[in-house]
């Protein structure tokens, strides 16, 4: 299993141009499109590109006012410029409706010659997921926690397993967007997932050490000690998760 590390922009802010070449990275077009310098790792075959559309949902009013056709065209330009091999569709069902999402998906495929990875949400229904796995070589499970059905799916490993088996039945790979429950990942046969959990060291001051068994040891700060500085927390956490990434490739 490939465990892509998302949110690497935080690591880059402390360690510019030091992201290892062999790291598997997920990054967002929302992050890249406003910047002049495109990091080398974003052009790597080990990179997977998210459309960044979800970032607009932080402000629903802005999302409905956006010129999505312009956004799609910019997305296409970036994919071409950086020669992306894996990239997600612009899954904005909640903003423009599924027919428009399908139109944009086809527009991207026609322009690039490679189909985007369609992203299933609970509003699309089971039959639609089955069609996705029949028509696309790679699909993604990205159900939001914003509705009860989405919450139920993400919290239930048996339901997730049903989706995974259906994808593999039709010879389609499946990516779990934001699925990082380490215990479940040893049982659920996703082909790939992505995680920002490594950022917890920066957010909450927690530290971990990867163990050869595939687990993380939590490092507890002694009461009489100050927390190590943010830069070292980010660097240490990132490197420990790189170890997990390599372990997952061989063992999951």
C-alpha atoms as a PDB file:
ATOM      1  CA  UNK A   1       0.000   0.000   0.000  1.00  0.00           C
ATOM      2  CA  UNK A   2       1.172   3.507  -0.784  1.00  0.00           C
ATOM      3  CA  UNK A   3       0.678   5.963   2.055  1.00  0.00           C
ATOM      4  CA  UNK A   4       0.944   9.419   0.545  1.00  0.00           C
ATOM      5  CA  UNK A   5       1.912  12.183   2.962  1.00  0.00           C
ATOM      6  CA  UNK A   6      -0.251  15.279   2.549  1.00  0.00           C
ATOM      7  CA  UNK A   7       0.443  18.743   3.924  1.00  0.00           C
ATOM      8  CA  UNK A   8       4.136  18.560   3.000  1.00  0.00           C
ATOM      9  CA  UNK A   9       4.022  22.323   2.436  1.00  0.00           C
ATOM     10  CA  UNK A  10       4.497  22.630   6.212  1.00  0.00           C
ATOM     11  CA  UNK A  11       7.679  20.561   6.038  1.00  0.00           C
ATOM     12  CA  UNK A  12       8.886  22.634   3.074  1.00  0.00           C
ATOM     13  CA  UNK A  13       8.361  25.849   5.026  1.00  0.00           C
ATOM     14  CA  UNK A  14      10.942  24.671   7.568  1.00  0.00           C
ATOM     15  CA  UNK A  15      13.137  22.623   5.224  1.00  0.00           C
ATOM     16  CA  UNK A  16      13.039  24.194   1.730  1.00  0.00           C
ATOM     17  CA  UNK A  17      13.980  21.851  -1.107  1.00  0.00           C
ATOM     18  CA  UNK A  18      14.763  19.011   1.289  1.00  0.00           C
ATOM     19  CA  UNK A  19      11.830  16.679   0.609  1.00  0.00           C
ATOM     20  CA  UNK A  20      13.368  13.275  -0.277  1.00  0.00           C
ATOM     21  CA  UNK A  21      13.078  12.141  -3.895  1.00  0.00           C
ATOM     22  CA  UNK A  22      11.716   8.751  -2.866  1.00  0.00           C
ATOM     23  CA  UNK A  23       8.856  10.154  -0.765  1.00  0.00           C
ATOM     24  CA  UNK A  24       5.247   9.607  -1.850  1.00  0.00           C
ATOM     25  CA  UNK A  25       3.506  12.969  -1.664  1.00  0.00           C
ATOM     26  CA  UNK A  26      -0.049  14.195  -2.133  1.00  0.00           C
ATOM     27  CA  UNK A  27      -0.348  17.907  -2.741  1.00  0.00           C
ATOM     28  CA  UNK A  28      -3.085  20.285  -3.735  1.00  0.00           C
ATOM     29  CA  UNK A  29      -3.452  22.371  -6.878  1.00  0.00           C
ATOM     30  CA  UNK A  30      -5.024  24.975  -4.588  1.00  0.00           C
ATOM     31  CA  UNK A  31      -1.580  25.317  -3.002  1.00  0.00           C
ATOM     32  CA  UNK A  32       0.456  25.266  -6.212  1.00  0.00           C
ATOM     33  CA  UNK A  33      -1.493  27.463  -8.596  1.00  0.00           C
ATOM     34  CA  UNK A  34      -0.818  30.717  -6.740  1.00  0.00           C
ATOM     35  CA  UNK A  35       2.949  30.139  -6.515  1.00  0.00           C
ATOM     36  CA  UNK A  36       5.669  30.817  -9.059  1.00  0.00           C
ATOM     37  CA  UNK A  37       8.056  28.084  -7.977  1.00  0.00           C
ATOM     38  CA  UNK A  38       6.888  24.509  -8.424  1.00  0.00           C
ATOM     39  CA  UNK A  39       8.856  22.033  -6.264  1.00  0.00           C
ATOM     40  CA  UNK A  40      10.586  19.146  -8.011  1.00  0.00           C
ATOM     41  CA  UNK A  41       8.686  16.541  -5.993  1.00  0.00           C
ATOM     42  CA  UNK A  42       5.402  17.724  -7.523  1.00  0.00           C
ATOM     43  CA  UNK A  43       6.659  16.478 -10.912  1.00  0.00           C
ATOM     44  CA  UNK A  44       7.629  13.054  -9.597  1.00  0.00           C
ATOM     45  CA  UNK A  45       5.922   9.776 -10.484  1.00  0.00           C
ATOM     46  CA  UNK A  46       5.544   9.358  -6.711  1.00  0.00           C
ATOM     47  CA  UNK A  47       3.270  12.379  -6.565  1.00  0.00           C
ATOM     48  CA  UNK A  48      -0.527  12.417  -6.658  1.00  0.00           C
ATOM     49  CA  UNK A  49      -2.351  15.693  -7.280  1.00  0.00           C
ATOM     50  CA  UNK A  50      -5.527  16.769  -5.533  1.00  0.00           C
ATOM     51  CA  UNK A  51      -7.698  19.349  -7.298  1.00  0.00           C
ATOM     52  CA  UNK A  52      -7.829  21.531  -4.188  1.00  0.00           C
ATOM     53  CA  UNK A  53     -11.549  22.117  -4.689  1.00  0.00           C
ATOM     54  CA  UNK A  54     -12.330  20.989  -1.140  1.00  0.00           C
ATOM     55  CA  UNK A  55     -10.349  23.950   0.200  1.00  0.00           C
ATOM     56  CA  UNK A  56     -12.997  26.285  -1.214  1.00  0.00           C
ATOM     57  CA  UNK A  57     -15.682  24.653   0.940  1.00  0.00           C
ATOM     58  CA  UNK A  58     -14.298  26.420   3.976  1.00  0.00           C
ATOM     59  CA  UNK A  59     -16.371  29.289   2.641  1.00  0.00           C
ATOM     60  CA  UNK A  60     -19.465  27.837   0.880  1.00  0.00           C
ATOM     61  CA  UNK A  61     -20.582  31.239  -0.386  1.00  0.00           C
ATOM     62  CA  UNK A  62     -17.271  31.755  -2.172  1.00  0.00           C
ATOM     63  CA  UNK A  63     -17.495  28.252  -3.634  1.00  0.00           C
ATOM     64  CA  UNK A  64     -20.810  28.993  -5.333  1.00  0.00           C
ATOM     65  CA  UNK A  65     -19.469  32.238  -6.794  1.00  0.00           C
ATOM     66  CA  UNK A  66     -16.262  30.776  -8.220  1.00  0.00           C
ATOM     67  CA  UNK A  67     -15.644  30.564 -11.945  1.00  0.00           C
ATOM     68  CA  UNK A  68     -15.199  26.804 -11.966  1.00  0.00           C
ATOM     69  CA  UNK A  69     -14.628  26.591 -15.704  1.00  0.00           C
ATOM     70  CA  UNK A  70     -11.651  28.908 -15.297  1.00  0.00           C
ATOM     71  CA  UNK A  71     -10.435  26.813 -12.351  1.00  0.00           C
ATOM     72  CA  UNK A  72     -10.685  23.630 -14.427  1.00  0.00           C
ATOM     73  CA  UNK A  73      -8.733  25.231 -17.266  1.00  0.00           C
ATOM     74  CA  UNK A  74      -5.982  26.272 -14.844  1.00  0.00           C
ATOM     75  CA  UNK A  75      -5.971  22.759 -13.396  1.00  0.00           C
ATOM     76  CA  UNK A  76      -5.517  21.321 -16.881  1.00  0.00           C
ATOM     77  CA  UNK A  77      -2.655  23.715 -17.604  1.00  0.00           C
ATOM     78  CA  UNK A  78      -0.891  22.713 -14.389  1.00  0.00           C
ATOM     79  CA  UNK A  79      -1.314  18.993 -15.104  1.00  0.00           C
ATOM     80  CA  UNK A  80       0.166  19.479 -18.558  1.00  0.00           C
ATOM     81  CA  UNK A  81       3.022  21.681 -17.370  1.00  0.00           C
ATOM     82  CA  UNK A  82       4.089  19.313 -14.609  1.00  0.00           C
ATOM     83  CA  UNK A  83       3.254  16.118 -16.532  1.00  0.00           C
ATOM     84  CA  UNK A  84       1.130  14.644 -13.770  1.00  0.00           C
ATOM     85  CA  UNK A  85       0.382  10.940 -13.993  1.00  0.00           C
ATOM     86  CA  UNK A  86      -2.142  10.690 -11.142  1.00  0.00           C
ATOM     87  CA  UNK A  87      -4.677  13.407 -10.407  1.00  0.00           C
ATOM     88  CA  UNK A  88      -8.171  13.560  -8.951  1.00  0.00           C
ATOM     89  CA  UNK A  89     -11.258  14.942 -10.587  1.00  0.00           C
ATOM     90  CA  UNK A  90     -12.757  18.211  -9.338  1.00  0.00           C
ATOM     91  CA  UNK A  91     -15.380  16.648  -7.064  1.00  0.00           C
ATOM     92  CA  UNK A  92     -17.621  19.618  -6.377  1.00  0.00           C
ATOM     93  CA  UNK A  93     -20.956  17.770  -6.529  1.00  0.00           C
ATOM     94  CA  UNK A  94     -22.294  19.837  -3.640  1.00  0.00           C
ATOM     95  CA  UNK A  95     -21.626  23.087  -5.515  1.00  0.00           C
ATOM     96  CA  UNK A  96     -22.394  22.458  -9.186  1.00  0.00           C
ATOM     97  CA  UNK A  97     -24.097  19.058  -9.193  1.00  0.00           C
ATOM     98  CA  UNK A  98     -22.882  15.688 -10.459  1.00  0.00           C
ATOM     99  CA  UNK A  99     -23.642  16.234 -14.195  1.00  0.00           C
ATOM    100  CA  UNK A 100     -21.362  19.278 -14.220  1.00  0.00           C
ATOM    101  CA  UNK A 101     -18.662  17.334 -12.359  1.00  0.00           C
ATOM    102  CA  UNK A 102     -18.874  14.642 -15.035  1.00  0.00           C
ATOM    103  CA  UNK A 103     -18.608  17.310 -17.736  1.00  0.00           C
ATOM    104  CA  UNK A 104     -15.445  18.702 -16.110  1.00  0.00           C
ATOM    105  CA  UNK A 105     -14.056  15.172 -15.665  1.00  0.00           C
ATOM    106  CA  UNK A 106     -14.484  14.460 -19.369  1.00  0.00           C
ATOM    107  CA  UNK A 107     -13.032  17.860 -20.269  1.00  0.00           C
ATOM    108  CA  UNK A 108      -9.892  17.087 -18.261  1.00  0.00           C
ATOM    109  CA  UNK A 109      -9.519  13.631 -19.812  1.00  0.00           C
ATOM    110  CA  UNK A 110      -9.988  14.987 -23.327  1.00  0.00           C
ATOM    111  CA  UNK A 111      -7.318  17.627 -22.724  1.00  0.00           C
ATOM    112  CA  UNK A 112      -4.761  15.386 -20.997  1.00  0.00           C
ATOM    113  CA  UNK A 113      -5.420  11.987 -22.517  1.00  0.00           C
ATOM    114  CA  UNK A 114      -5.454  10.393 -19.058  1.00  0.00           C
ATOM    115  CA  UNK A 115      -8.642   9.989 -17.016  1.00  0.00           C
ATOM    116  CA  UNK A 116      -8.760  11.760 -13.653  1.00  0.00           C
ATOM    117  CA  UNK A 117      -9.380   9.628 -10.588  1.00  0.00           C
ATOM    118  CA  UNK A 118     -13.117   9.991  -9.873  1.00  0.00           C
ATOM    119  CA  UNK A 119     -13.953  10.610  -6.221  1.00  0.00           C
ATOM    120  CA  UNK A 120     -17.030   8.864  -4.812  1.00  0.00           C
ATOM    121  CA  UNK A 121     -19.203  10.570  -2.213  1.00  0.00           C
ATOM    122  CA  UNK A 122     -22.215   9.059  -0.482  1.00  0.00           C
ATOM    123  CA  UNK A 123     -24.600  11.292  -2.444  1.00  0.00           C
ATOM    124  CA  UNK A 124     -23.657   9.361  -5.611  1.00  0.00           C
ATOM    125  CA  UNK A 125     -24.966   6.038  -4.355  1.00  0.00           C
ATOM    126  CA  UNK A 126     -23.630   2.481  -4.515  1.00  0.00           C
ATOM    127  CA  UNK A 127     -24.576   1.822  -8.135  1.00  0.00           C
ATOM    128  CA  UNK A 128     -22.592   4.854  -9.240  1.00  0.00           C
ATOM    129  CA  UNK A 129     -19.541   3.562  -7.386  1.00  0.00           C
ATOM    130  CA  UNK A 130     -19.859   0.240  -9.208  1.00  0.00           C
ATOM    131  CA  UNK A 131     -19.967   2.106 -12.532  1.00  0.00           C
ATOM    132  CA  UNK A 132     -16.859   4.057 -11.545  1.00  0.00           C
ATOM    133  CA  UNK A 133     -14.935   0.842 -10.928  1.00  0.00           C
ATOM    134  CA  UNK A 134     -16.065  -0.546 -14.283  1.00  0.00           C
ATOM    135  CA  UNK A 135     -15.046   2.556 -16.227  1.00  0.00           C
ATOM    136  CA  UNK A 136     -11.914   3.841 -14.481  1.00  0.00           C
ATOM    137  CA  UNK A 137      -8.615   2.125 -13.600  1.00  0.00           C
ATOM    138  CA  UNK A 138      -8.286   4.118 -10.362  1.00  0.00           C
ATOM    139  CA  UNK A 139     -11.082   5.403  -8.125  1.00  0.00           C
ATOM    140  CA  UNK A 140     -11.144   7.215  -4.802  1.00  0.00           C
ATOM    141  CA  UNK A 141     -13.368   6.947  -1.758  1.00  0.00           C
ATOM    142  CA  UNK A 142     -13.756  10.436  -0.389  1.00  0.00           C
ATOM    143  CA  UNK A 143     -17.007  10.525   1.530  1.00  0.00           C
ATOM    144  CA  UNK A 144     -17.262  13.649   3.630  1.00  0.00           C
ATOM    145  CA  UNK A 145     -17.978  13.599   7.364  1.00  0.00           C
ATOM    146  CA  UNK A 146     -20.463  16.436   6.844  1.00  0.00           C
ATOM    147  CA  UNK A 147     -23.465  14.091   6.603  1.00  0.00           C
ATOM    148  CA  UNK A 148     -24.567  11.094   8.636  1.00  0.00           C
ATOM    149  CA  UNK A 149     -24.137   8.565   5.828  1.00  0.00           C
ATOM    150  CA  UNK A 150     -20.619   9.773   5.219  1.00  0.00           C
ATOM    151  CA  UNK A 151     -19.779   9.466   8.904  1.00  0.00           C
ATOM    152  CA  UNK A 152     -21.212   5.948   9.036  1.00  0.00           C
ATOM    153  CA  UNK A 153     -19.141   4.801   6.058  1.00  0.00           C
ATOM    154  CA  UNK A 154     -15.882   6.242   7.332  1.00  0.00           C
ATOM    155  CA  UNK A 155     -16.371   4.705  10.779  1.00  0.00           C
ATOM    156  CA  UNK A 156     -17.266   1.217   9.574  1.00  0.00           C
ATOM    157  CA  UNK A 157     -14.424  -1.002   8.313  1.00  0.00           C
ATOM    158  CA  UNK A 158     -16.839  -3.625   6.971  1.00  0.00           C
ATOM    159  CA  UNK A 159     -18.483  -1.035   4.696  1.00  0.00           C
ATOM    160  CA  UNK A 160     -15.094   0.229   3.548  1.00  0.00           C
ATOM    161  CA  UNK A 161     -14.061  -3.340   2.804  1.00  0.00           C
ATOM    162  CA  UNK A 162     -17.151  -3.738   0.613  1.00  0.00           C
ATOM    163  CA  UNK A 163     -16.044  -0.776  -1.522  1.00  0.00           C
ATOM    164  CA  UNK A 164     -12.484  -2.059  -1.756  1.00  0.00           C
ATOM    165  CA  UNK A 165     -13.563  -5.550  -2.828  1.00  0.00           C
ATOM    166  CA  UNK A 166     -15.919  -4.125  -5.447  1.00  0.00           C
ATOM    167  CA  UNK A 167     -13.105  -2.028  -6.930  1.00  0.00           C
ATOM    168  CA  UNK A 168     -10.714  -4.967  -7.045  1.00  0.00           C
ATOM    169  CA  UNK A 169     -13.416  -7.206  -8.523  1.00  0.00           C
ATOM    170  CA  UNK A 170     -13.424  -4.874 -11.525  1.00  0.00           C
ATOM    171  CA  UNK A 171      -9.605  -4.589 -11.588  1.00  0.00           C
ATOM    172  CA  UNK A 172      -9.708  -0.986 -10.435  1.00  0.00           C
ATOM    173  CA  UNK A 173      -7.321   0.423  -7.860  1.00  0.00           C
ATOM    174  CA  UNK A 174      -8.839   2.367  -4.965  1.00  0.00           C
ATOM    175  CA  UNK A 175      -7.516   5.313  -2.957  1.00  0.00           C
ATOM    176  CA  UNK A 176      -8.859   6.184   0.490  1.00  0.00           C
ATOM    177  CA  UNK A 177      -8.841   9.956   0.873  1.00  0.00           C
ATOM    178  CA  UNK A 178      -7.843  10.833   4.405  1.00  0.00           C
ATOM    179  CA  UNK A 179      -8.114   7.267   5.733  1.00  0.00           C
ATOM    180  CA  UNK A 180      -5.288   6.900   8.233  1.00  0.00           C
ATOM    181  CA  UNK A 181      -6.498   4.561  10.951  1.00  0.00           C
ATOM    182  CA  UNK A 182      -3.320   2.476  11.251  1.00  0.00           C
ATOM    183  CA  UNK A 183      -5.099  -0.509  12.785  1.00  0.00           C
ATOM    184  CA  UNK A 184      -7.633  -0.608   9.951  1.00  0.00           C
ATOM    185  CA  UNK A 185      -5.001  -0.173   7.256  1.00  0.00           C
ATOM    186  CA  UNK A 186      -3.518  -3.537   8.203  1.00  0.00           C
ATOM    187  CA  UNK A 187      -6.877  -5.143   7.344  1.00  0.00           C
ATOM    188  CA  UNK A 188      -8.318  -2.911   4.615  1.00  0.00           C
ATOM    189  CA  UNK A 189      -6.589  -3.499   1.289  1.00  0.00           C
ATOM    190  CA  UNK A 190      -6.625  -0.004  -0.135  1.00  0.00           C
ATOM    191  CA  UNK A 191      -4.100   0.420  -2.920  1.00  0.00           C
ATOM    192  CA  UNK A 192      -3.261   3.850  -1.561  1.00  0.00           C
ATOM    193  CA  UNK A 193      -4.340   6.328   1.096  1.00  0.00           C
ATOM    194  CA  UNK A 194      -3.177   9.757   2.186  1.00  0.00           C
ATOM    195  CA  UNK A 195      -2.522  11.221   5.590  1.00  0.00           C
ATOM    196  CA  UNK A 196      -1.882  14.502   7.366  1.00  0.00           C
ATOM    197  CA  UNK A 197      -1.556  12.724  10.715  1.00  0.00           C
ATOM    198  CA  UNK A 198       2.196  13.282  10.657  1.00  0.00           C
ATOM    199  CA  UNK A 199       1.400  16.987  11.206  1.00  0.00           C
ATOM    200  CA  UNK A 200       0.124  16.249  14.715  1.00  0.00           C
ATOM    201  CA  UNK A 201       3.636  16.852  15.990  1.00  0.00           C
ATOM    202  CA  UNK A 202       3.403  20.452  14.850  1.00  0.00           C
ATOM    203  CA  UNK A 203      -0.245  20.976  15.789  1.00  0.00           C
ATOM    204  CA  UNK A 204      -0.375  19.376  19.207  1.00  0.00           C
ATOM    205  CA  UNK A 205       3.232  19.109  20.328  1.00  0.00           C
ATOM    206  CA  UNK A 206       3.114  15.297  20.210  1.00  0.00           C
ATOM    207  CA  UNK A 207       6.086  13.229  19.116  1.00  0.00           C
ATOM    208  CA  UNK A 208       6.261   9.678  17.788  1.00  0.00           C
ATOM    209  CA  UNK A 209       8.933   7.132  16.985  1.00  0.00           C
ATOM    210  CA  UNK A 210       8.286   4.488  14.319  1.00  0.00           C
ATOM    211  CA  UNK A 211       8.752   0.865  15.332  1.00  0.00           C
ATOM    212  CA  UNK A 212       9.745  -2.003  12.966  1.00  0.00           C
ATOM    213  CA  UNK A 213       6.428  -3.685  13.807  1.00  0.00           C
ATOM    214  CA  UNK A 214       4.557  -0.961  11.907  1.00  0.00           C
ATOM    215  CA  UNK A 215       3.406   0.891  15.000  1.00  0.00           C
ATOM    216  CA  UNK A 216       4.290   4.278  16.433  1.00  0.00           C
ATOM    217  CA  UNK A 217       5.600   4.777  19.932  1.00  0.00           C
ATOM    218  CA  UNK A 218       4.237   7.918  21.552  1.00  0.00           C
ATOM    219  CA  UNK A 219       6.965  10.023  23.132  1.00  0.00           C
ATOM    220  CA  UNK A 220       5.695  11.720  26.273  1.00  0.00           C
ATOM    221  CA  UNK A 221       7.289  15.014  27.248  1.00  0.00           C
ATOM    222  CA  UNK A 222       8.598  14.969  30.817  1.00  0.00           C
ATOM    223  CA  UNK A 223       6.776  17.437  33.038  1.00  0.00           C
ATOM    224  CA  UNK A 224       9.984  19.283  33.857  1.00  0.00           C
ATOM    225  CA  UNK A 225      11.009  19.720  30.212  1.00  0.00           C
ATOM    226  CA  UNK A 226      10.006  22.228  27.569  1.00  0.00           C
ATOM    227  CA  UNK A 227       8.599  21.014  24.247  1.00  0.00           C
ATOM    228  CA  UNK A 228      11.153  20.799  21.459  1.00  0.00           C
ATOM    229  CA  UNK A 229      10.931  23.649  18.949  1.00  0.00           C
ATOM    230  CA  UNK A 230       8.371  23.443  16.068  1.00  0.00           C
ATOM    231  CA  UNK A 231      10.964  23.039  13.322  1.00  0.00           C
ATOM    232  CA  UNK A 232      12.478  19.951  14.929  1.00  0.00           C
ATOM    233  CA  UNK A 233       9.024  18.549  15.743  1.00  0.00           C
ATOM    234  CA  UNK A 234       7.963  18.860  12.107  1.00  0.00           C
ATOM    235  CA  UNK A 235      11.216  17.414  10.786  1.00  0.00           C
ATOM    236  CA  UNK A 236      11.238  14.498  13.207  1.00  0.00           C
ATOM    237  CA  UNK A 237       7.595  13.634  12.646  1.00  0.00           C
ATOM    238  CA  UNK A 238       7.944  13.787   8.865  1.00  0.00           C
ATOM    239  CA  UNK A 239      10.979  11.501   8.875  1.00  0.00           C
ATOM    240  CA  UNK A 240       9.326   8.975  11.199  1.00  0.00           C
ATOM    241  CA  UNK A 241       6.319   8.843   8.874  1.00  0.00           C
ATOM    242  CA  UNK A 242       8.621   8.302   5.906  1.00  0.00           C
ATOM    243  CA  UNK A 243       9.774   5.160   7.706  1.00  0.00           C
ATOM    244  CA  UNK A 244       6.144   4.067   8.041  1.00  0.00           C
ATOM    245  CA  UNK A 245       5.588   4.829   4.348  1.00  0.00           C
ATOM    246  CA  UNK A 246       8.414   2.480   3.373  1.00  0.00           C
ATOM    247  CA  UNK A 247       7.156  -0.184   5.782  1.00  0.00           C
ATOM    248  CA  UNK A 248       3.624   0.049   4.334  1.00  0.00           C
ATOM    249  CA  UNK A 249       4.922  -0.451   0.792  1.00  0.00           C
ATOM    250  CA  UNK A 250       6.351  -3.840   1.781  1.00  0.00           C
ATOM    251  CA  UNK A 251       3.849  -5.005   4.369  1.00  0.00           C
ATOM    252  CA  UNK A 252       0.356  -3.646   3.637  1.00  0.00           C
END
